[in-house]
Amino acid sequence: MSKNVIKINRKGDDGYKIISVRIKENVLEKIDELSQESNRSRNELINILLENCVDDVEIN
């Protein structure tokens, strides 16, 4: 009988890092609304928003 092999990545080996941020309550409410409307998790939506905006920031 052959065994099924399950590959499990070590925590942190998926290219993501866990961070903690403070977000204003009204912004979080908007994110939660968008999350429900898009049927995506809050985490997934925040990642999408950051990925789409990070290259457009200019520091003066």
PDB file of N, CA and C in Angstrom:
ATOM      1  N   MET A   1       0.838  -1.165   0.000  1.00  0.00           N
ATOM      2  CA  MET A   1       0.000   0.000   0.000  1.00  0.00           C
ATOM      3  C   MET A   1       0.894   1.243   0.000  1.00  0.00           C
ATOM      4  N   SER A   2       0.681   2.156  -0.948  1.00  0.00           N
ATOM      5  CA  SER A   2       1.498   3.369  -1.009  1.00  0.00           C
ATOM      6  C   SER A   2       0.898   4.461  -0.115  1.00  0.00           C
ATOM      7  N   LYS A   3       1.771   5.321   0.364  1.00  0.00           N
ATOM      8  CA  LYS A   3       1.346   6.410   1.243  1.00  0.00           C
ATOM      9  C   LYS A   3       1.068   7.661   0.423  1.00  0.00           C
ATOM     10  N   ASN A   4       0.090   8.423   0.839  1.00  0.00           N
ATOM     11  CA  ASN A   4      -0.139   9.739   0.266  1.00  0.00           C
ATOM     12  C   ASN A   4       0.838  10.707   0.911  1.00  0.00           C
ATOM     13  N   VAL A   5       1.542  11.480   0.099  1.00  0.00           N
ATOM     14  CA  VAL A   5       2.505  12.432   0.615  1.00  0.00           C
ATOM     15  C   VAL A   5       1.859  13.810   0.648  1.00  0.00           C
ATOM     16  N   ILE A   6       1.880  14.432   1.802  1.00  0.00           N
ATOM     17  CA  ILE A   6       1.356  15.778   1.960  1.00  0.00           C
ATOM     18  C   ILE A   6       2.535  16.696   2.233  1.00  0.00           C
ATOM     19  N   LYS A   7       2.718  17.685   1.369  1.00  0.00           N
ATOM     20  CA  LYS A   7       3.798  18.646   1.561  1.00  0.00           C
ATOM     21  C   LYS A   7       3.260  19.840   2.322  1.00  0.00           C
ATOM     22  N   ILE A   8       3.918  20.160   3.423  1.00  0.00           N
ATOM     23  CA  ILE A   8       3.503  21.284   4.252  1.00  0.00           C
ATOM     24  C   ILE A   8       4.663  22.264   4.327  1.00  0.00           C
ATOM     25  N   ASN A   9       4.409  23.492   3.884  1.00  0.00           N
ATOM     26  CA  ASN A   9       5.431  24.533   3.974  1.00  0.00           C
ATOM     27  C   ASN A   9       5.596  24.952   5.423  1.00  0.00           C
ATOM     28  N   ARG A  10       6.806  25.302   5.776  1.00  0.00           N
ATOM     29  CA  ARG A  10       7.041  25.842   7.104  1.00  0.00           C
ATOM     30  C   ARG A  10       6.373  27.204   7.190  1.00  0.00           C
ATOM     31  N   LYS A  11       5.987  27.575   8.381  1.00  0.00           N
ATOM     32  CA  LYS A  11       5.362  28.867   8.594  1.00  0.00           C
ATOM     33  C   LYS A  11       6.314  29.963   8.118  1.00  0.00           C
ATOM     34  N   GLY A  12       5.802  30.853   7.290  1.00  0.00           N
ATOM     35  CA  GLY A  12       6.614  31.945   6.773  1.00  0.00           C
ATOM     36  C   GLY A  12       7.261  31.636   5.443  1.00  0.00           C
ATOM     37  N   ASP A  13       7.171  30.407   4.954  1.00  0.00           N
ATOM     38  CA  ASP A  13       7.807  30.034   3.693  1.00  0.00           C
ATOM     39  C   ASP A  13       6.923  30.298   2.477  1.00  0.00           C
ATOM     40  N   ASP A  14       5.792  30.981   2.662  1.00  0.00           N
ATOM     41  CA  ASP A  14       4.882  31.217   1.549  1.00  0.00           C
ATOM     42  C   ASP A  14       5.080  32.591   0.915  1.00  0.00           C
ATOM     43  N   GLY A  15       6.113  33.332   1.343  1.00  0.00           N
ATOM     44  CA  GLY A  15       6.387  34.645   0.782  1.00  0.00           C
ATOM     45  C   GLY A  15       5.677  35.765   1.525  1.00  0.00           C
ATOM     46  N   TYR A  16       4.872  35.428   2.503  1.00  0.00           N
ATOM     47  CA  TYR A  16       4.146  36.427   3.279  1.00  0.00           C
ATOM     48  C   TYR A  16       4.803  36.617   4.633  1.00  0.00           C
ATOM     49  N   LYS A  17       4.664  37.792   5.183  1.00  0.00           N
ATOM     50  CA  LYS A  17       5.126  38.100   6.533  1.00  0.00           C
ATOM     51  C   LYS A  17       3.935  38.589   7.340  1.00  0.00           C
ATOM     52  N   ILE A  18       3.895  38.236   8.592  1.00  0.00           N
ATOM     53  CA  ILE A  18       2.835  38.679   9.477  1.00  0.00           C
ATOM     54  C   ILE A  18       3.267  39.986  10.119  1.00  0.00           C
ATOM     55  N   ILE A  19       2.382  40.991  10.052  1.00  0.00           N
ATOM     56  CA  ILE A  19       2.652  42.293  10.656  1.00  0.00           C
ATOM     57  C   ILE A  19       1.427  42.733  11.445  1.00  0.00           C
ATOM     58  N   SER A  20       1.595  43.759  12.212  1.00  0.00           N
ATOM     59  CA  SER A  20       0.495  44.361  12.943  1.00  0.00           C
ATOM     60  C   SER A  20       0.442  45.832  12.571  1.00  0.00           C
ATOM     61  N   VAL A  21      -0.747  46.321  12.247  1.00  0.00           N
ATOM     62  CA  VAL A  21      -0.900  47.739  11.905  1.00  0.00           C
ATOM     63  C   VAL A  21      -2.088  48.320  12.654  1.00  0.00           C
ATOM     64  N   ARG A  22      -2.041  49.614  12.834  1.00  0.00           N
ATOM     65  CA  ARG A  22      -3.187  50.331  13.391  1.00  0.00           C
ATOM     66  C   ARG A  22      -3.914  50.982  12.227  1.00  0.00           C
ATOM     67  N   ILE A  23      -5.220  50.796  12.182  1.00  0.00           N
ATOM     68  CA  ILE A  23      -6.038  51.344  11.101  1.00  0.00           C
ATOM     69  C   ILE A  23      -7.188  52.119  11.732  1.00  0.00           C
ATOM     70  N   LYS A  24      -7.455  53.292  11.197  1.00  0.00           N
ATOM     71  CA  LYS A  24      -8.580  54.081  11.700  1.00  0.00           C
ATOM     72  C   LYS A  24      -9.870  53.290  11.530  1.00  0.00           C
ATOM     73  N   GLU A  25     -10.747  53.454  12.503  1.00  0.00           N
ATOM     74  CA  GLU A  25     -11.984  52.681  12.532  1.00  0.00           C
ATOM     75  C   GLU A  25     -12.821  52.867  11.266  1.00  0.00           C
ATOM     76  N   ASN A  26     -12.919  54.101  10.747  1.00  0.00           N
ATOM     77  CA  ASN A  26     -13.740  54.331   9.553  1.00  0.00           C
ATOM     78  C   ASN A  26     -13.143  53.660   8.318  1.00  0.00           C
ATOM     79  N   VAL A  27     -11.825  53.573   8.246  1.00  0.00           N
ATOM     80  CA  VAL A  27     -11.178  52.893   7.119  1.00  0.00           C
ATOM     81  C   VAL A  27     -11.428  51.393   7.209  1.00  0.00           C
ATOM     82  N   LEU A  28     -11.319  50.855   8.406  1.00  0.00           N
ATOM     83  CA  LEU A  28     -11.567  49.432   8.608  1.00  0.00           C
ATOM     84  C   LEU A  28     -13.011  49.078   8.265  1.00  0.00           C
ATOM     85  N   GLU A  29     -13.942  49.952   8.601  1.00  0.00           N
ATOM     86  CA  GLU A  29     -15.350  49.720   8.256  1.00  0.00           C
ATOM     87  C   GLU A  29     -15.524  49.643   6.741  1.00  0.00           C
ATOM     88  N   LYS A  30     -14.867  50.544   6.020  1.00  0.00           N
ATOM     89  CA  LYS A  30     -14.937  50.535   4.551  1.00  0.00           C
ATOM     90  C   LYS A  30     -14.329  49.251   3.988  1.00  0.00           C
ATOM     91  N   ILE A  31     -13.198  48.839   4.553  1.00  0.00           N
ATOM     92  CA  ILE A  31     -12.541  47.603   4.108  1.00  0.00           C
ATOM     93  C   ILE A  31     -13.459  46.405   4.356  1.00  0.00           C
ATOM     94  N   ASP A  32     -14.095  46.378   5.516  1.00  0.00           N
ATOM     95  CA  ASP A  32     -15.007  45.274   5.834  1.00  0.00           C
ATOM     96  C   ASP A  32     -16.210  45.253   4.891  1.00  0.00           C
ATOM     97  N   GLU A  33     -16.720  46.415   4.537  1.00  0.00           N
ATOM     98  CA  GLU A  33     -17.832  46.486   3.578  1.00  0.00           C
ATOM     99  C   GLU A  33     -17.398  45.942   2.220  1.00  0.00           C
ATOM    100  N   LEU A  34     -16.221  46.380   1.756  1.00  0.00           N
ATOM    101  CA  LEU A  34     -15.705  45.895   0.476  1.00  0.00           C
ATOM    102  C   LEU A  34     -15.437  44.394   0.525  1.00  0.00           C
ATOM    103  N   SER A  35     -14.978  43.932   1.662  1.00  0.00           N
ATOM    104  CA  SER A  35     -14.713  42.510   1.847  1.00  0.00           C
ATOM    105  C   SER A  35     -15.989  41.693   1.667  1.00  0.00           C
ATOM    106  N   GLN A  36     -17.060  42.142   2.283  1.00  0.00           N
ATOM    107  CA  GLN A  36     -18.338  41.439   2.155  1.00  0.00           C
ATOM    108  C   GLN A  36     -18.864  41.492   0.727  1.00  0.00           C
ATOM    109  N   GLU A  37     -18.786  42.674   0.110  1.00  0.00           N
ATOM    110  CA  GLU A  37     -19.282  42.841  -1.259  1.00  0.00           C
ATOM    111  C   GLU A  37     -18.512  41.985  -2.256  1.00  0.00           C
ATOM    112  N   SER A  38     -17.216  41.843  -2.045  1.00  0.00           N
ATOM    113  CA  SER A  38     -16.368  41.115  -2.989  1.00  0.00           C
ATOM    114  C   SER A  38     -16.228  39.637  -2.645  1.00  0.00           C
ATOM    115  N   ASN A  39     -16.789  39.241  -1.504  1.00  0.00           N
ATOM    116  CA  ASN A  39     -16.690  37.858  -1.046  1.00  0.00           C
ATOM    117  C   ASN A  39     -15.228  37.424  -0.883  1.00  0.00           C
ATOM    118  N   ARG A  40     -14.405  38.335  -0.366  1.00  0.00           N
ATOM    119  CA  ARG A  40     -12.995  38.065  -0.087  1.00  0.00           C
ATOM    120  C   ARG A  40     -12.742  38.307   1.394  1.00  0.00           C
ATOM    121  N   SER A  41     -11.734  37.660   1.928  1.00  0.00           N
ATOM    122  CA  SER A  41     -11.390  37.902   3.330  1.00  0.00           C
ATOM    123  C   SER A  41     -10.807  39.306   3.474  1.00  0.00           C
ATOM    124  N   ARG A  42     -10.865  39.813   4.678  1.00  0.00           N
ATOM    125  CA  ARG A  42     -10.280  41.131   4.953  1.00  0.00           C
ATOM    126  C   ARG A  42      -8.802  41.118   4.584  1.00  0.00           C
ATOM    127  N   ASN A  43      -8.086  40.068   4.966  1.00  0.00           N
ATOM    128  CA  ASN A  43      -6.663  39.955   4.671  1.00  0.00           C
ATOM    129  C   ASN A  43      -6.396  39.978   3.174  1.00  0.00           C
ATOM    130  N   GLU A  44      -7.165  39.188   2.424  1.00  0.00           N
ATOM    131  CA  GLU A  44      -6.981  39.135   0.975  1.00  0.00           C
ATOM    132  C   GLU A  44      -7.239  40.500   0.354  1.00  0.00           C
ATOM    133  N   LEU A  45      -8.282  41.169   0.790  1.00  0.00           N
ATOM    134  CA  LEU A  45      -8.615  42.479   0.236  1.00  0.00           C
ATOM    135  C   LEU A  45      -7.537  43.510   0.557  1.00  0.00           C
ATOM    136  N   ILE A  46      -7.048  43.509   1.781  1.00  0.00           N
ATOM    137  CA  ILE A  46      -5.988  44.455   2.146  1.00  0.00           C
ATOM    138  C   ILE A  46      -4.745  44.213   1.294  1.00  0.00           C
ATOM    139  N   ASN A  47      -4.397  42.960   1.053  1.00  0.00           N
ATOM    140  CA  ASN A  47      -3.256  42.657   0.184  1.00  0.00           C
ATOM    141  C   ASN A  47      -3.482  43.162  -1.228  1.00  0.00           C
ATOM    142  N   ILE A  48      -4.686  42.996  -1.763  1.00  0.00           N
ATOM    143  CA  ILE A  48      -5.010  43.486  -3.107  1.00  0.00           C
ATOM    144  C   ILE A  48      -4.881  45.006  -3.153  1.00  0.00           C
ATOM    145  N   LEU A  49      -5.437  45.676  -2.158  1.00  0.00           N
ATOM    146  CA  LEU A  49      -5.367  47.138  -2.115  1.00  0.00           C
ATOM    147  C   LEU A  49      -3.925  47.628  -2.039  1.00  0.00           C
ATOM    148  N   LEU A  50      -3.123  47.008  -1.183  1.00  0.00           N
ATOM    149  CA  LEU A  50      -1.724  47.419  -1.055  1.00  0.00           C
ATOM    150  C   LEU A  50      -0.932  47.161  -2.328  1.00  0.00           C
ATOM    151  N   GLU A  51      -1.126  45.995  -2.927  1.00  0.00           N
ATOM    152  CA  GLU A  51      -0.401  45.667  -4.161  1.00  0.00           C
ATOM    153  C   GLU A  51      -0.726  46.651  -5.281  1.00  0.00           C
ATOM    154  N   ASN A  52      -1.956  47.136  -5.311  1.00  0.00           N
ATOM    155  CA  ASN A  52      -2.371  48.040  -6.383  1.00  0.00           C
ATOM    156  C   ASN A  52      -1.987  49.482  -6.121  1.00  0.00           C
ATOM    157  N   CYS A  53      -1.600  49.824  -4.900  1.00  0.00           N
ATOM    158  CA  CYS A  53      -1.303  51.220  -4.586  1.00  0.00           C
ATOM    159  C   CYS A  53       0.167  51.494  -4.282  1.00  0.00           C
ATOM    160  N   VAL A  54       0.903  50.497  -3.853  1.00  0.00           N
ATOM    161  CA  VAL A  54       2.255  50.718  -3.353  1.00  0.00           C
ATOM    162  C   VAL A  54       3.185  51.343  -4.403  1.00  0.00           C
ATOM    163  N   ASP A  55       3.001  51.008  -5.664  1.00  0.00           N
ATOM    164  CA  ASP A  55       3.875  51.554  -6.711  1.00  0.00           C
ATOM    165  C   ASP A  55       3.491  52.979  -7.114  1.00  0.00           C
ATOM    166  N   ASP A  56       2.340  53.457  -6.665  1.00  0.00           N
ATOM    167  CA  ASP A  56       1.877  54.785  -7.034  1.00  0.00           C
ATOM    168  C   ASP A  56       2.241  55.858  -5.998  1.00  0.00           C
ATOM    169  N   VAL A  57       2.925  55.459  -4.933  1.00  0.00           N
ATOM    170  CA  VAL A  57       3.281  56.400  -3.876  1.00  0.00           C
ATOM    171  C   VAL A  57       4.563  57.121  -4.237  1.00  0.00           C
ATOM    172  N   GLU A  58       4.545  58.432  -4.038  1.00  0.00           N
ATOM    173  CA  GLU A  58       5.752  59.243  -4.269  1.00  0.00           C
ATOM    174  C   GLU A  58       6.040  60.034  -3.001  1.00  0.00           C
ATOM    175  N   ILE A  59       7.225  59.906  -2.488  1.00  0.00           N
ATOM    176  CA  ILE A  59       7.640  60.614  -1.277  1.00  0.00           C
ATOM    177  C   ILE A  59       8.367  61.880  -1.683  1.00  0.00           C
ATOM    178  N   ASN A  60       7.911  63.019  -1.186  1.00  0.00           N
ATOM    179  CA  ASN A  60       8.543  64.311  -1.491  1.00  0.00           C
ATOM    180  C   ASN A  60       9.359  64.790  -0.327  1.00  0.00           C
TER     181      ASN A  60
END
